[in-house]
Amino acid sequence: MPAKLITINIRRYLVTQPRSVRQKRLSRYVRERIAHYMKVAEENVKIDMAMNSAMTKVYTKSMMPIKANVNIDNGVAKVSLYSDKKPAETQKAEAKAPEKKGAKAKQEPKSEVAKPAQKKPEAAESKAKPKQ
């Protein structure tokens, strides 16, 4: 099953919690919301290490909505942080796709290569003449 993007508003919940226990309760709340959205049991929600550390360091303080990718495999929901980057497989497929014949290709600006400074003719002549 493809990854599903879920946004969880945590501000409503965390504002009412004491600062000392926000991280523990945030993990439980995220697990509960993912289980509800994906229709799986809370025991079957696995939070990835990057997501857990982000919740600890960032989201308990800023309380911004959490964007998460959720994959379901064999009844287990795996939660990871959302990233705007495309998967490597998609990028490779797009790179191999041929361009349309009628479409104008984007031209990269030509970078001018710095030419080495030419020696002055006077200096060349003085070296060429033998001393008398």
Protein backbone atom coordinates (compact mmCIF):
# COMPACT_ATOMS: atom_id res chain seq x y z
CA MET A 1 0.00 0.00 0.00
CA PRO A 2 1.43 3.45 -0.87
CA ALA A 3 2.39 5.88 1.85
CA LYS A 4 -0.40 8.05 3.16
CA LEU A 5 0.21 11.60 4.39
CA ILE A 6 -1.44 12.42 7.72
CA THR A 7 -1.32 15.77 9.49
CA ILE A 8 -1.93 15.68 13.24
CA ASN A 9 -2.78 18.87 15.12
CA ILE A 10 -1.02 18.49 18.48
CA ARG A 11 -1.41 22.01 19.85
CA ARG A 12 -4.94 21.42 21.20
CA TYR A 13 -3.69 18.45 23.16
CA LEU A 14 -0.25 19.62 24.33
CA VAL A 15 -1.32 23.01 25.67
CA THR A 16 -3.24 21.28 28.42
CA GLN A 17 -0.30 19.02 29.42
CA PRO A 18 2.46 19.89 31.91
CA ARG A 19 5.83 20.55 30.23
CA SER A 20 7.58 17.75 32.09
CA VAL A 21 5.40 14.99 30.58
CA ARG A 22 4.65 16.39 27.12
CA GLN A 23 6.97 14.07 25.20
CA LYS A 24 5.61 10.89 26.74
CA ARG A 25 2.01 11.96 26.23
CA LEU A 26 2.72 13.24 22.71
CA SER A 27 3.98 9.80 21.65
CA ARG A 28 0.85 8.19 23.05
CA TYR A 29 -1.41 10.80 21.39
CA VAL A 30 0.26 10.36 17.96
CA ARG A 31 -0.03 6.58 18.29
CA GLU A 32 -3.73 6.96 19.19
CA ARG A 33 -4.49 9.31 16.25
CA ILE A 34 -2.66 7.12 13.69
CA ALA A 35 -4.51 4.04 14.97
CA HIS A 36 -7.80 5.91 14.61
CA TYR A 37 -7.10 7.19 11.06
CA MET A 38 -5.67 3.93 9.74
CA LYS A 39 -8.17 1.67 11.57
CA VAL A 40 -5.57 -0.50 13.31
CA ALA A 41 -4.97 -1.31 16.96
CA GLU A 42 -2.66 1.03 18.94
CA GLU A 43 -0.28 -1.88 19.55
CA ASN A 44 0.21 -2.18 15.79
CA VAL A 45 1.49 1.38 15.31
CA LYS A 46 5.29 1.56 15.06
CA ILE A 47 6.96 4.99 15.26
CA ASP A 48 10.29 5.30 13.48
CA MET A 49 13.37 6.58 15.38
CA ALA A 50 13.68 9.81 13.35
CA MET A 51 10.04 10.61 14.04
CA ASN A 52 10.47 9.90 17.75
CA SER A 53 13.53 12.13 18.06
CA ALA A 54 11.78 14.93 16.13
CA MET A 55 8.81 14.70 18.49
CA THR A 56 11.18 14.91 21.46
CA LYS A 57 13.32 17.79 20.22
CA VAL A 58 11.03 19.89 18.05
CA TYR A 59 7.35 19.22 18.38
CA THR A 60 7.08 19.24 22.19
CA LYS A 61 8.37 22.82 22.16
CA SER A 62 6.95 24.32 18.97
CA MET A 63 3.63 22.42 18.94
CA MET A 64 3.36 22.74 15.15
CA PRO A 65 1.20 20.16 13.35
CA ILE A 66 3.03 16.92 12.65
CA LYS A 67 3.15 15.68 9.04
CA ALA A 68 3.75 11.97 8.88
CA ASN A 69 3.94 9.26 6.22
CA VAL A 70 2.14 6.08 7.20
CA ASN A 71 2.67 2.72 5.51
CA ILE A 72 0.59 -0.34 6.39
CA ASP A 73 2.24 -3.76 5.98
CA ASN A 74 0.51 -6.89 7.30
CA GLY A 75 -1.68 -4.91 9.70
CA VAL A 76 1.23 -2.89 11.15
CA ALA A 77 1.25 0.89 10.58
CA LYS A 78 4.78 2.27 10.26
CA VAL A 79 5.01 6.01 10.92
CA SER A 80 7.86 8.18 9.61
CA LEU A 81 8.44 11.89 9.09
CA TYR A 82 7.05 13.39 5.90
CA SER A 83 9.61 14.61 3.40
CA ASP A 84 9.04 16.56 0.21
CA LYS A 85 11.69 14.56 -1.60
CA LYS A 86 10.50 11.95 -4.06
CA PRO A 87 11.55 8.34 -3.59
CA ALA A 88 14.63 7.26 -5.55
CA GLU A 89 12.58 4.91 -7.75
CA THR A 90 10.35 7.75 -8.95
CA GLN A 91 13.32 10.01 -9.67
CA LYS A 92 14.99 7.31 -11.77
CA ALA A 93 11.80 6.72 -13.76
CA GLU A 94 11.42 10.43 -14.46
CA ALA A 95 15.04 10.71 -15.57
CA LYS A 96 14.60 7.87 -18.08
CA ALA A 97 11.32 9.24 -19.51
CA PRO A 98 11.92 10.68 -23.01
CA GLU A 99 11.17 14.34 -23.60
CA LYS A 100 8.39 15.39 -25.95
CA LYS A 101 9.48 16.31 -29.46
CA GLY A 102 7.51 19.57 -29.61
CA ALA A 103 8.52 20.79 -26.16
CA LYS A 104 11.31 23.27 -25.93
CA ALA A 105 14.20 21.92 -23.96
CA LYS A 106 15.46 24.13 -21.19
CA GLN A 107 18.86 25.37 -22.09
CA GLU A 108 21.38 25.79 -19.37
CA PRO A 109 23.25 29.07 -19.48
CA LYS A 110 26.68 28.63 -20.95
CA SER A 111 29.38 29.33 -18.46
CA GLU A 112 32.22 31.30 -19.87
CA VAL A 113 35.55 29.70 -19.23
CA ALA A 114 38.13 32.21 -18.09
CA LYS A 115 40.89 32.35 -20.66
CA PRO A 116 44.42 32.41 -19.32
CA ALA A 117 45.97 35.84 -19.49
CA GLN A 118 48.13 36.18 -22.57
CA LYS A 119 51.67 37.37 -22.10
CA LYS A 120 52.53 40.76 -23.39
CA PRO A 121 54.52 40.69 -26.61
CA GLU A 122 57.21 42.92 -25.08
CA ALA A 123 58.03 40.34 -22.45
CA ALA A 124 58.19 37.61 -25.06
CA GLU A 125 60.51 39.64 -27.27
CA SER A 126 62.88 40.47 -24.43
CA LYS A 127 63.26 36.81 -23.58
CA ALA A 128 63.78 35.87 -27.20
CA LYS A 129 66.67 38.30 -27.71
CA PRO A 130 70.00 37.07 -26.41
CA LYS A 131 71.97 39.45 -24.24
CA GLN A 132 75.03 40.98 -25.88
